[in-house]
Amino acid sequence: MVYLISFGAGILAGVLYGVINVRSPAPPAIALIGLLGMLAGEQIVPVAKRVIDGIPLTRAWFASECQTKITGVPVNANTEAEDTRQG
């Protein structure tokens, strides 16, 4: 449902740009790469806090804290998808 809302908002923005005869601010590929950079950049803060506090960076912590915020997919969904492929 969130994807449909996001897609709808994008369509609405595109229609608005068309009505006022303005080009989109960035080509789609560049905009998407910029968004990915923003999501990845947000994760520097929690990683830096752990390093400063002397807490080790583990794969499980990264998957639960950073990966889900970057991809939007909860850790449990990844585990369930792997289980259905194996069994």
PDB file of N, CA and C in Angstrom:
ATOM      1  N   MET A   1       0.824  -1.196   0.000  1.00  0.00           N
ATOM      2  CA  MET A   1       0.000   0.000   0.000  1.00  0.00           C
ATOM      3  C   MET A   1       0.875   1.271   0.000  1.00  0.00           C
ATOM      4  N   VAL A   2       1.978   1.226   0.765  1.00  0.00           N
ATOM      5  CA  VAL A   2       2.868   2.386   0.818  1.00  0.00           C
ATOM      6  C   VAL A   2       3.451   2.666  -0.566  1.00  0.00           C
ATOM      7  N   TYR A   3       3.746   1.611  -1.316  1.00  0.00           N
ATOM      8  CA  TYR A   3       4.297   1.792  -2.659  1.00  0.00           C
ATOM      9  C   TYR A   3       3.286   2.467  -3.575  1.00  0.00           C
ATOM     10  N   LEU A   4       2.036   2.087  -3.442  1.00  0.00           N
ATOM     11  CA  LEU A   4       0.992   2.701  -4.275  1.00  0.00           C
ATOM     12  C   LEU A   4       0.808   4.175  -3.924  1.00  0.00           C
ATOM     13  N   ILE A   5       0.854   4.488  -2.642  1.00  0.00           N
ATOM     14  CA  ILE A   5       0.737   5.887  -2.223  1.00  0.00           C
ATOM     15  C   ILE A   5       1.916   6.689  -2.757  1.00  0.00           C
ATOM     16  N   SER A   6       3.120   6.128  -2.650  1.00  0.00           N
ATOM     17  CA  SER A   6       4.308   6.799  -3.155  1.00  0.00           C
ATOM     18  C   SER A   6       4.218   6.995  -4.664  1.00  0.00           C
ATOM     19  N   PHE A   7       3.781   5.962  -5.363  1.00  0.00           N
ATOM     20  CA  PHE A   7       3.633   6.048  -6.816  1.00  0.00           C
ATOM     21  C   PHE A   7       2.592   7.113  -7.172  1.00  0.00           C
ATOM     22  N   GLY A   8       1.479   7.111  -6.443  1.00  0.00           N
ATOM     23  CA  GLY A   8       0.434   8.112  -6.682  1.00  0.00           C
ATOM     24  C   GLY A   8       0.930   9.526  -6.443  1.00  0.00           C
ATOM     25  N   ALA A   9       1.725   9.716  -5.390  1.00  0.00           N
ATOM     26  CA  ALA A   9       2.286  11.035  -5.116  1.00  0.00           C
ATOM     27  C   ALA A   9       3.228  11.455  -6.243  1.00  0.00           C
ATOM     28  N   GLY A  10       3.988  10.505  -6.762  1.00  0.00           N
ATOM     29  CA  GLY A  10       4.881  10.799  -7.886  1.00  0.00           C
ATOM     30  C   GLY A  10       4.111  11.191  -9.130  1.00  0.00           C
ATOM     31  N   ILE A  11       3.025  10.477  -9.394  1.00  0.00           N
ATOM     32  CA  ILE A  11       2.180  10.812 -10.555  1.00  0.00           C
ATOM     33  C   ILE A  11       1.597  12.219 -10.377  1.00  0.00           C
ATOM     34  N   LEU A  12       1.121  12.495  -9.172  1.00  0.00           N
ATOM     35  CA  LEU A  12       0.543  13.818  -8.894  1.00  0.00           C
ATOM     36  C   LEU A  12       1.584  14.914  -9.109  1.00  0.00           C
ATOM     37  N   ALA A  13       2.802  14.696  -8.635  1.00  0.00           N
ATOM     38  CA  ALA A  13       3.866  15.679  -8.839  1.00  0.00           C
ATOM     39  C   ALA A  13       4.163  15.836 -10.338  1.00  0.00           C
ATOM     40  N   GLY A  14       4.175  14.726 -11.059  1.00  0.00           N
ATOM     41  CA  GLY A  14       4.418  14.796 -12.498  1.00  0.00           C
ATOM     42  C   GLY A  14       3.328  15.565 -13.234  1.00  0.00           C
ATOM     43  N   VAL A  15       2.076  15.338 -12.844  1.00  0.00           N
ATOM     44  CA  VAL A  15       0.960  16.074 -13.452  1.00  0.00           C
ATOM     45  C   VAL A  15       1.103  17.561 -13.138  1.00  0.00           C
ATOM     46  N   LEU A  16       1.431  17.873 -11.892  1.00  0.00           N
ATOM     47  CA  LEU A  16       1.608  19.274 -11.503  1.00  0.00           C
ATOM     48  C   LEU A  16       2.726  19.916 -12.324  1.00  0.00           C
ATOM     49  N   TYR A  17       3.847  19.217 -12.488  1.00  0.00           N
ATOM     50  CA  TYR A  17       4.944  19.741 -13.307  1.00  0.00           C
ATOM     51  C   TYR A  17       4.457  19.981 -14.741  1.00  0.00           C
ATOM     52  N   GLY A  18       3.650  19.049 -15.256  1.00  0.00           N
ATOM     53  CA  GLY A  18       3.144  19.198 -16.618  1.00  0.00           C
ATOM     54  C   GLY A  18       2.195  20.381 -16.758  1.00  0.00           C
ATOM     55  N   VAL A  19       1.343  20.580 -15.763  1.00  0.00           N
ATOM     56  CA  VAL A  19       0.372  21.670 -15.811  1.00  0.00           C
ATOM     57  C   VAL A  19       1.066  23.028 -15.784  1.00  0.00           C
ATOM     58  N   ILE A  20       2.086  23.159 -14.951  1.00  0.00           N
ATOM     59  CA  ILE A  20       2.775  24.458 -14.875  1.00  0.00           C
ATOM     60  C   ILE A  20       3.960  24.534 -15.837  1.00  0.00           C
ATOM     61  N   ASN A  21       4.103  23.501 -16.659  1.00  0.00           N
ATOM     62  CA  ASN A  21       5.105  23.461 -17.722  1.00  0.00           C
ATOM     63  C   ASN A  21       6.529  23.633 -17.186  1.00  0.00           C
ATOM     64  N   VAL A  22       6.876  22.803 -16.184  1.00  0.00           N
ATOM     65  CA  VAL A  22       8.205  22.814 -15.577  1.00  0.00           C
ATOM     66  C   VAL A  22       8.800  21.419 -15.727  1.00  0.00           C
ATOM     67  N   ARG A  23      10.067  21.368 -16.017  1.00  0.00           N
ATOM     68  CA  ARG A  23      10.735  20.065 -16.100  1.00  0.00           C
ATOM     69  C   ARG A  23      11.047  19.563 -14.703  1.00  0.00           C
ATOM     70  N   SER A  24      11.136  18.248 -14.562  1.00  0.00           N
ATOM     71  CA  SER A  24      11.483  17.687 -13.259  1.00  0.00           C
ATOM     72  C   SER A  24      12.896  18.128 -12.898  1.00  0.00           C
ATOM     73  N   PRO A  25      13.166  18.310 -11.595  1.00  0.00           N
ATOM     74  CA  PRO A  25      14.461  18.870 -11.189  1.00  0.00           C
ATOM     75  C   PRO A  25      15.670  18.003 -11.510  1.00  0.00           C
ATOM     76  N   ALA A  26      15.490  16.710 -11.658  1.00  0.00           N
ATOM     77  CA  ALA A  26      16.627  15.839 -11.952  1.00  0.00           C
ATOM     78  C   ALA A  26      16.140  14.655 -12.785  1.00  0.00           C
ATOM     79  N   PRO A  27      17.008  14.140 -13.658  1.00  0.00           N
ATOM     80  CA  PRO A  27      16.631  12.926 -14.380  1.00  0.00           C
ATOM     81  C   PRO A  27      16.353  11.798 -13.374  1.00  0.00           C
ATOM     82  N   PRO A  28      15.420  10.904 -13.662  1.00  0.00           N
ATOM     83  CA  PRO A  28      15.024   9.872 -12.694  1.00  0.00           C
ATOM     84  C   PRO A  28      16.170   9.043 -12.137  1.00  0.00           C
ATOM     85  N   ALA A  29      17.103   8.624 -12.979  1.00  0.00           N
ATOM     86  CA  ALA A  29      18.201   7.783 -12.478  1.00  0.00           C
ATOM     87  C   ALA A  29      19.062   8.555 -11.485  1.00  0.00           C
ATOM     88  N   ILE A  30      19.344   9.804 -11.785  1.00  0.00           N
ATOM     89  CA  ILE A  30      20.161  10.612 -10.886  1.00  0.00           C
ATOM     90  C   ILE A  30      19.419  10.860  -9.581  1.00  0.00           C
ATOM     91  N   ALA A  31      18.114  11.125  -9.674  1.00  0.00           N
ATOM     92  CA  ALA A  31      17.317  11.354  -8.465  1.00  0.00           C
ATOM     93  C   ALA A  31      17.298  10.110  -7.588  1.00  0.00           C
ATOM     94  N   LEU A  32      17.140   8.933  -8.190  1.00  0.00           N
ATOM     95  CA  LEU A  32      17.108   7.692  -7.405  1.00  0.00           C
ATOM     96  C   LEU A  32      18.452   7.412  -6.744  1.00  0.00           C
ATOM     97  N   ILE A  33      19.526   7.660  -7.451  1.00  0.00           N
ATOM     98  CA  ILE A  33      20.852   7.459  -6.859  1.00  0.00           C
ATOM     99  C   ILE A  33      21.061   8.445  -5.714  1.00  0.00           C
ATOM    100  N   GLY A  34      20.579   9.664  -5.878  1.00  0.00           N
ATOM    101  CA  GLY A  34      20.660  10.646  -4.805  1.00  0.00           C
ATOM    102  C   GLY A  34      19.883  10.208  -3.582  1.00  0.00           C
ATOM    103  N   LEU A  35      18.684   9.653  -3.794  1.00  0.00           N
ATOM    104  CA  LEU A  35      17.886   9.145  -2.679  1.00  0.00           C
ATOM    105  C   LEU A  35      18.593   7.994  -1.972  1.00  0.00           C
ATOM    106  N   LEU A  36      19.200   7.096  -2.737  1.00  0.00           N
ATOM    107  CA  LEU A  36      19.937   5.993  -2.138  1.00  0.00           C
ATOM    108  C   LEU A  36      21.094   6.524  -1.296  1.00  0.00           C
ATOM    109  N   GLY A  37      21.785   7.535  -1.811  1.00  0.00           N
ATOM    110  CA  GLY A  37      22.870   8.149  -1.053  1.00  0.00           C
ATOM    111  C   GLY A  37      22.380   8.764   0.246  1.00  0.00           C
ATOM    112  N   MET A  38      21.207   9.400   0.202  1.00  0.00           N
ATOM    113  CA  MET A  38      20.643   9.981   1.417  1.00  0.00           C
ATOM    114  C   MET A  38      20.321   8.903   2.439  1.00  0.00           C
ATOM    115  N   LEU A  39      19.720   7.806   1.994  1.00  0.00           N
ATOM    116  CA  LEU A  39      19.382   6.715   2.912  1.00  0.00           C
ATOM    117  C   LEU A  39      20.638   6.100   3.520  1.00  0.00           C
ATOM    118  N   ALA A  40      21.648   5.889   2.691  1.00  0.00           N
ATOM    119  CA  ALA A  40      22.894   5.316   3.199  1.00  0.00           C
ATOM    120  C   ALA A  40      23.594   6.307   4.133  1.00  0.00           C
ATOM    121  N   GLY A  41      23.572   7.584   3.787  1.00  0.00           N
ATOM    122  CA  GLY A  41      24.213   8.595   4.610  1.00  0.00           C
ATOM    123  C   GLY A  41      23.581   8.719   5.989  1.00  0.00           C
ATOM    124  N   GLU A  42      22.272   8.516   6.068  1.00  0.00           N
ATOM    125  CA  GLU A  42      21.589   8.565   7.365  1.00  0.00           C
ATOM    126  C   GLU A  42      22.123   7.502   8.318  1.00  0.00           C
ATOM    127  N   GLN A  43      22.627   6.415   7.775  1.00  0.00           N
ATOM    128  CA  GLN A  43      23.082   5.312   8.611  1.00  0.00           C
ATOM    129  C   GLN A  43      24.490   5.526   9.152  1.00  0.00           C
ATOM    130  N   ILE A  44      25.171   6.557   8.699  1.00  0.00           N
ATOM    131  CA  ILE A  44      26.507   6.855   9.211  1.00  0.00           C
ATOM    132  C   ILE A  44      26.436   7.245  10.682  1.00  0.00           C
ATOM    133  N   VAL A  45      25.372   7.952  11.068  1.00  0.00           N
ATOM    134  CA  VAL A  45      25.248   8.424  12.448  1.00  0.00           C
ATOM    135  C   VAL A  45      25.148   7.258  13.442  1.00  0.00           C
ATOM    136  N   PRO A  46      24.220   6.291  13.268  1.00  0.00           N
ATOM    137  CA  PRO A  46      24.180   5.200  14.244  1.00  0.00           C
ATOM    138  C   PRO A  46      25.452   4.347  14.241  1.00  0.00           C
ATOM    139  N   VAL A  47      26.066   4.173  13.087  1.00  0.00           N
ATOM    140  CA  VAL A  47      27.320   3.410  13.022  1.00  0.00           C
ATOM    141  C   VAL A  47      28.409   4.162  13.788  1.00  0.00           C
ATOM    142  N   ALA A  48      28.509   5.461  13.561  1.00  0.00           N
ATOM    143  CA  ALA A  48      29.526   6.258  14.255  1.00  0.00           C
ATOM    144  C   ALA A  48      29.301   6.244  15.764  1.00  0.00           C
ATOM    145  N   LYS A  49      28.038   6.326  16.196  1.00  0.00           N
ATOM    146  CA  LYS A  49      27.741   6.288  17.632  1.00  0.00           C
ATOM    147  C   LYS A  49      28.214   4.981  18.253  1.00  0.00           C
ATOM    148  N   ARG A  50      27.980   3.864  17.559  1.00  0.00           N
ATOM    149  CA  ARG A  50      28.425   2.573  18.081  1.00  0.00           C
ATOM    150  C   ARG A  50      29.946   2.515  18.161  1.00  0.00           C
ATOM    151  N   VAL A  51      30.611   3.009  17.133  1.00  0.00           N
ATOM    152  CA  VAL A  51      32.074   2.996  17.121  1.00  0.00           C
ATOM    153  C   VAL A  51      32.613   3.856  18.262  1.00  0.00           C
ATOM    154  N   ILE A  52      32.052   5.043  18.446  1.00  0.00           N
ATOM    155  CA  ILE A  52      32.496   5.942  19.515  1.00  0.00           C
ATOM    156  C   ILE A  52      32.250   5.320  20.890  1.00  0.00           C
ATOM    157  N   ASP A  53      31.111   4.627  21.045  1.00  0.00           N
ATOM    158  CA  ASP A  53      30.787   3.983  22.325  1.00  0.00           C
ATOM    159  C   ASP A  53      31.566   2.688  22.539  1.00  0.00           C
ATOM    160  N   GLY A  54      32.307   2.249  21.543  1.00  0.00           N
ATOM    161  CA  GLY A  54      33.100   1.024  21.662  1.00  0.00           C
ATOM    162  C   GLY A  54      32.285  -0.246  21.528  1.00  0.00           C
ATOM    163  N   ILE A  55      31.092  -0.140  20.963  1.00  0.00           N
ATOM    164  CA  ILE A  55      30.236  -1.309  20.762  1.00  0.00           C
ATOM    165  C   ILE A  55      30.565  -1.894  19.384  1.00  0.00           C
ATOM    166  N   PRO A  56      30.781  -3.216  19.311  1.00  0.00           N
ATOM    167  CA  PRO A  56      31.149  -3.798  18.015  1.00  0.00           C
ATOM    168  C   PRO A  56      30.012  -3.715  16.999  1.00  0.00           C
ATOM    169  N   LEU A  57      30.393  -3.584  15.747  1.00  0.00           N
ATOM    170  CA  LEU A  57      29.428  -3.593  14.648  1.00  0.00           C
ATOM    171  C   LEU A  57      29.256  -5.039  14.193  1.00  0.00           C
ATOM    172  N   THR A  58      28.067  -5.570  14.371  1.00  0.00           N
ATOM    173  CA  THR A  58      27.803  -6.940  13.952  1.00  0.00           C
ATOM    174  C   THR A  58      26.882  -6.950  12.744  1.00  0.00           C
ATOM    175  N   ARG A  59      26.916  -8.033  12.019  1.00  0.00           N
ATOM    176  CA  ARG A  59      26.048  -8.179  10.854  1.00  0.00           C
ATOM    177  C   ARG A  59      24.580  -8.152  11.261  1.00  0.00           C
ATOM    178  N   ALA A  60      24.257  -8.794  12.379  1.00  0.00           N
ATOM    179  CA  ALA A  60      22.864  -8.824  12.846  1.00  0.00           C
ATOM    180  C   ALA A  60      22.379  -7.419  13.201  1.00  0.00           C
ATOM    181  N   TRP A  61      23.227  -6.645  13.886  1.00  0.00           N
ATOM    182  CA  TRP A  61      22.845  -5.277  14.228  1.00  0.00           C
ATOM    183  C   TRP A  61      22.647  -4.451  12.967  1.00  0.00           C
ATOM    184  N   PHE A  62      23.586  -4.556  12.025  1.00  0.00           N
ATOM    185  CA  PHE A  62      23.481  -3.804  10.784  1.00  0.00           C
ATOM    186  C   PHE A  62      22.205  -4.173  10.035  1.00  0.00           C
ATOM    187  N   ALA A  63      21.890  -5.466   9.989  1.00  0.00           N
ATOM    188  CA  ALA A  63      20.687  -5.912   9.279  1.00  0.00           C
ATOM    189  C   ALA A  63      19.429  -5.367   9.934  1.00  0.00           C
ATOM    190  N   SER A  64      19.382  -5.365  11.266  1.00  0.00           N
ATOM    191  CA  SER A  64      18.166  -4.921  11.935  1.00  0.00           C
ATOM    192  C   SER A  64      18.043  -3.407  11.997  1.00  0.00           C
ATOM    193  N   GLU A  65      19.156  -2.700  12.105  1.00  0.00           N
ATOM    194  CA  GLU A  65      19.100  -1.249  12.270  1.00  0.00           C
ATOM    195  C   GLU A  65      19.272  -0.478  10.963  1.00  0.00           C
ATOM    196  N   CYS A  66      20.213  -0.859  10.148  1.00  0.00           N
ATOM    197  CA  CYS A  66      20.543  -0.062   8.961  1.00  0.00           C
ATOM    198  C   CYS A  66      19.880  -0.601   7.694  1.00  0.00           C
ATOM    199  N   GLN A  67      20.001  -1.886   7.471  1.00  0.00           N
ATOM    200  CA  GLN A  67      19.507  -2.475   6.236  1.00  0.00           C
ATOM    201  C   GLN A  67      18.013  -2.249   6.060  1.00  0.00           C
ATOM    202  N   THR A  68      17.248  -2.388   7.145  1.00  0.00           N
ATOM    203  CA  THR A  68      15.800  -2.211   7.030  1.00  0.00           C
ATOM    204  C   THR A  68      15.450  -0.768   6.692  1.00  0.00           C
ATOM    205  N   LYS A  69      16.217   0.197   7.186  1.00  0.00           N
ATOM    206  CA  LYS A  69      15.933   1.593   6.890  1.00  0.00           C
ATOM    207  C   LYS A  69      16.321   1.957   5.459  1.00  0.00           C
ATOM    208  N   ILE A  70      17.322   1.291   4.925  1.00  0.00           N
ATOM    209  CA  ILE A  70      17.749   1.572   3.554  1.00  0.00           C
ATOM    210  C   ILE A  70      16.816   0.886   2.552  1.00  0.00           C
ATOM    211  N   THR A  71      16.492  -0.381   2.792  1.00  0.00           N
ATOM    212  CA  THR A  71      15.686  -1.130   1.832  1.00  0.00           C
ATOM    213  C   THR A  71      14.195  -1.044   2.083  1.00  0.00           C
ATOM    214  N   GLY A  72      13.789  -0.752   3.321  1.00  0.00           N
ATOM    215  CA  GLY A  72      12.366  -0.714   3.652  1.00  0.00           C
ATOM    216  C   GLY A  72      11.782  -2.083   3.893  1.00  0.00           C
ATOM    217  N   VAL A  73      12.618  -3.104   3.890  1.00  0.00           N
ATOM    218  CA  VAL A  73      12.162  -4.483   4.101  1.00  0.00           C
ATOM    219  C   VAL A  73      12.595  -4.939   5.484  1.00  0.00           C
ATOM    220  N   PRO A  74      11.635  -5.330   6.355  1.00  0.00           N
ATOM    221  CA  PRO A  74      12.010  -5.790   7.698  1.00  0.00           C
ATOM    222  C   PRO A  74      12.859  -7.048   7.641  1.00  0.00           C
ATOM    223  N   VAL A  75      13.692  -7.238   8.656  1.00  0.00           N
ATOM    224  CA  VAL A  75      14.572  -8.408   8.717  1.00  0.00           C
ATOM    225  C   VAL A  75      13.754  -9.687   8.664  1.00  0.00           C
ATOM    226  N   ASN A  76      12.617  -9.758   9.359  1.00  0.00           N
ATOM    227  CA  ASN A  76      11.782 -10.965   9.364  1.00  0.00           C
ATOM    228  C   ASN A  76      11.297 -11.324   7.976  1.00  0.00           C
ATOM    229  N   ALA A  77      11.004 -10.337   7.148  1.00  0.00           N
ATOM    230  CA  ALA A  77      10.541 -10.608   5.790  1.00  0.00           C
ATOM    231  C   ALA A  77      11.648 -11.276   4.985  1.00  0.00           C
ATOM    232  N   ASN A  78      12.905 -10.846   5.171  1.00  0.00           N
ATOM    233  CA  ASN A  78      14.022 -11.475   4.465  1.00  0.00           C
ATOM    234  C   ASN A  78      14.170 -12.930   4.899  1.00  0.00           C
ATOM    235  N   THR A  79      14.065 -13.195   6.201  1.00  0.00           N
ATOM    236  CA  THR A  79      14.211 -14.551   6.721  1.00  0.00           C
ATOM    237  C   THR A  79      13.095 -15.440   6.205  1.00  0.00           C
ATOM    238  N   GLU A  80      11.862 -14.935   6.207  1.00  0.00           N
ATOM    239  CA  GLU A  80      10.733 -15.724   5.727  1.00  0.00           C
ATOM    240  C   GLU A  80      10.864 -16.027   4.243  1.00  0.00           C
ATOM    241  N   ALA A  81      11.349 -15.068   3.456  1.00  0.00           N
ATOM    242  CA  ALA A  81      11.524 -15.300   2.028  1.00  0.00           C
ATOM    243  C   ALA A  81      12.567 -16.380   1.774  1.00  0.00           C
ATOM    244  N   GLU A  82      13.657 -16.380   2.557  1.00  0.00           N
ATOM    245  CA  GLU A  82      14.682 -17.400   2.403  1.00  0.00           C
ATOM    246  C   GLU A  82      14.140 -18.760   2.788  1.00  0.00           C
ATOM    247  N   ASP A  83      13.310 -18.812   3.860  1.00  0.00           N
ATOM    248  CA  ASP A  83      12.733 -20.083   4.295  1.00  0.00           C
ATOM    249  C   ASP A  83      11.831 -20.682   3.236  1.00  0.00           C
ATOM    250  N   THR A  84      11.029 -19.849   2.544  1.00  0.00           N
ATOM    251  CA  THR A  84      10.114 -20.380   1.529  1.00  0.00           C
ATOM    252  C   THR A  84      10.890 -20.860   0.308  1.00  0.00           C
ATOM    253  N   ARG A  85      12.038 -20.245   0.002  1.00  0.00           N
ATOM    254  CA  ARG A  85      12.836 -20.714  -1.127  1.00  0.00           C
ATOM    255  C   ARG A  85      13.516 -22.042  -0.840  1.00  0.00           C
ATOM    256  N   GLN A  86      13.887 -22.240   0.440  1.00  0.00           N
ATOM    257  CA  GLN A  86      14.602 -23.469   0.804  1.00  0.00           C
ATOM    258  C   GLN A  86      13.649 -24.651   0.965  1.00  0.00           C
ATOM    259  N   GLY A  87      12.445 -24.401   1.419  1.00  0.00           N
ATOM    260  CA  GLY A  87      11.556 -25.506   1.746  1.00  0.00           C
ATOM    261  C   GLY A  87      10.452 -25.625   0.873  1.00  0.00           C
TER     262      GLY A  87
END
